[in-house]
């Protein structure tokens, strides 16, 4: 069975931080975005193996992410 997970990548001083939204314990860092993606896939595979070995339930994926826009100049100003 194929399960999809949603990843978030954040730019950090040393490169990129990658973390799964649906499974926050799965995270890694890489110098480039592509390296971070590869390392996150490896981390996910290792976590799946560890959970299976420990007979723990593997979190479900398929999170829905949505961007929400806000105009910052007017946030918090009295009307």
C-alpha atoms as a PDB file:
ATOM      1  CA  UNK A   1       0.000   0.000   0.000  1.00  0.00           C
ATOM      2  CA  UNK A   2       1.279   3.465  -0.911  1.00  0.00           C
ATOM      3  CA  UNK A   3       0.718   6.237   1.631  1.00  0.00           C
ATOM      4  CA  UNK A   4       1.440   9.903   0.912  1.00  0.00           C
ATOM      5  CA  UNK A   5       2.691  12.382   3.488  1.00  0.00           C
ATOM      6  CA  UNK A   6       2.860  16.163   3.296  1.00  0.00           C
ATOM      7  CA  UNK A   7       6.294  17.726   3.768  1.00  0.00           C
ATOM      8  CA  UNK A   8       7.162  21.256   4.845  1.00  0.00           C
ATOM      9  CA  UNK A   9      10.560  22.730   3.993  1.00  0.00           C
ATOM     10  CA  UNK A  10      11.923  25.747   5.833  1.00  0.00           C
ATOM     11  CA  UNK A  11      15.012  27.716   4.855  1.00  0.00           C
ATOM     12  CA  UNK A  12      17.524  27.791   7.729  1.00  0.00           C
ATOM     13  CA  UNK A  13      21.068  29.234   7.925  1.00  0.00           C
ATOM     14  CA  UNK A  14      22.680  25.849   7.158  1.00  0.00           C
ATOM     15  CA  UNK A  15      20.293  24.978   4.285  1.00  0.00           C
ATOM     16  CA  UNK A  16      16.823  23.491   4.716  1.00  0.00           C
ATOM     17  CA  UNK A  17      14.805  21.804   7.446  1.00  0.00           C
ATOM     18  CA  UNK A  18      12.285  19.209   6.263  1.00  0.00           C
ATOM     19  CA  UNK A  19       9.452  17.847   8.383  1.00  0.00           C
ATOM     20  CA  UNK A  20       6.331  15.817   7.694  1.00  0.00           C
ATOM     21  CA  UNK A  21       3.123  17.617   8.634  1.00  0.00           C
ATOM     22  CA  UNK A  22       1.246  14.357   9.258  1.00  0.00           C
ATOM     23  CA  UNK A  23       4.114  12.781  11.221  1.00  0.00           C
ATOM     24  CA  UNK A  24       6.104  15.587  12.940  1.00  0.00           C
ATOM     25  CA  UNK A  25       8.694  13.189  14.404  1.00  0.00           C
ATOM     26  CA  UNK A  26       9.995  12.633  10.863  1.00  0.00           C
ATOM     27  CA  UNK A  27      12.365  15.529  10.225  1.00  0.00           C
ATOM     28  CA  UNK A  28      15.826  16.208   8.846  1.00  0.00           C
ATOM     29  CA  UNK A  29      18.155  18.903   7.513  1.00  0.00           C
ATOM     30  CA  UNK A  30      20.028  19.231   4.240  1.00  0.00           C
ATOM     31  CA  UNK A  31      22.368  21.735   2.636  1.00  0.00           C
ATOM     32  CA  UNK A  32      20.141  21.993  -0.451  1.00  0.00           C
ATOM     33  CA  UNK A  33      16.420  21.517  -0.944  1.00  0.00           C
ATOM     34  CA  UNK A  34      17.012  18.397  -3.042  1.00  0.00           C
ATOM     35  CA  UNK A  35      19.331  16.901  -0.391  1.00  0.00           C
ATOM     36  CA  UNK A  36      16.740  17.669   2.274  1.00  0.00           C
ATOM     37  CA  UNK A  37      14.019  15.942   0.217  1.00  0.00           C
ATOM     38  CA  UNK A  38      16.189  12.843  -0.208  1.00  0.00           C
ATOM     39  CA  UNK A  39      17.074  12.752   3.491  1.00  0.00           C
ATOM     40  CA  UNK A  40      13.418  13.206   4.468  1.00  0.00           C
ATOM     41  CA  UNK A  41      12.432  10.219   2.319  1.00  0.00           C
ATOM     42  CA  UNK A  42      15.175   8.181   4.023  1.00  0.00           C
ATOM     43  CA  UNK A  43      14.011   9.344   7.463  1.00  0.00           C
ATOM     44  CA  UNK A  44      10.428   8.360   6.611  1.00  0.00           C
ATOM     45  CA  UNK A  45      11.501   4.877   5.479  1.00  0.00           C
ATOM     46  CA  UNK A  46      13.533   4.401   8.674  1.00  0.00           C
ATOM     47  CA  UNK A  47      10.617   5.577  10.846  1.00  0.00           C
ATOM     48  CA  UNK A  48       8.231   3.158   9.113  1.00  0.00           C
ATOM     49  CA  UNK A  49      10.650   0.294   9.801  1.00  0.00           C
ATOM     50  CA  UNK A  50      11.049   1.345  13.442  1.00  0.00           C
ATOM     51  CA  UNK A  51       7.284   1.635  13.987  1.00  0.00           C
ATOM     52  CA  UNK A  52       6.709  -1.789  12.433  1.00  0.00           C
ATOM     53  CA  UNK A  53       9.428  -3.334  14.588  1.00  0.00           C
ATOM     54  CA  UNK A  54       7.839  -1.790  17.704  1.00  0.00           C
ATOM     55  CA  UNK A  55       4.351  -2.780  16.507  1.00  0.00           C
ATOM     56  CA  UNK A  56       3.252   0.854  16.702  1.00  0.00           C
ATOM     57  CA  UNK A  57       0.495   2.304  14.543  1.00  0.00           C
ATOM     58  CA  UNK A  58       1.880   4.249  11.586  1.00  0.00           C
ATOM     59  CA  UNK A  59       0.268   7.703  11.323  1.00  0.00           C
ATOM     60  CA  UNK A  60      -2.024   8.286   8.372  1.00  0.00           C
ATOM     61  CA  UNK A  61      -0.939  10.752   5.748  1.00  0.00           C
ATOM     62  CA  UNK A  62      -2.784  12.877   3.217  1.00  0.00           C
ATOM     63  CA  UNK A  63      -2.929  16.118   5.189  1.00  0.00           C
ATOM     64  CA  UNK A  64      -4.654  18.996   3.437  1.00  0.00           C
ATOM     65  CA  UNK A  65      -2.669  22.210   3.533  1.00  0.00           C
ATOM     66  CA  UNK A  66      -4.037  25.574   2.593  1.00  0.00           C
ATOM     67  CA  UNK A  67      -2.418  28.969   2.481  1.00  0.00           C
ATOM     68  CA  UNK A  68      -4.289  31.724   4.298  1.00  0.00           C
ATOM     69  CA  UNK A  69      -3.552  35.331   3.305  1.00  0.00           C
ATOM     70  CA  UNK A  70      -3.628  38.306   5.647  1.00  0.00           C
ATOM     71  CA  UNK A  71      -2.767  41.956   5.054  1.00  0.00           C
ATOM     72  CA  UNK A  72      -0.211  42.706   7.751  1.00  0.00           C
ATOM     73  CA  UNK A  73      -0.458  46.499   7.659  1.00  0.00           C
ATOM     74  CA  UNK A  74      -3.978  46.427   9.081  1.00  0.00           C
ATOM     75  CA  UNK A  75      -3.785  43.532  11.544  1.00  0.00           C
ATOM     76  CA  UNK A  76      -4.387  44.730  15.092  1.00  0.00           C
ATOM     77  CA  UNK A  77      -5.281  48.313  14.121  1.00  0.00           C
ATOM     78  CA  UNK A  78      -8.411  49.777  15.705  1.00  0.00           C
ATOM     79  CA  UNK A  79     -11.219  50.589  13.294  1.00  0.00           C
END
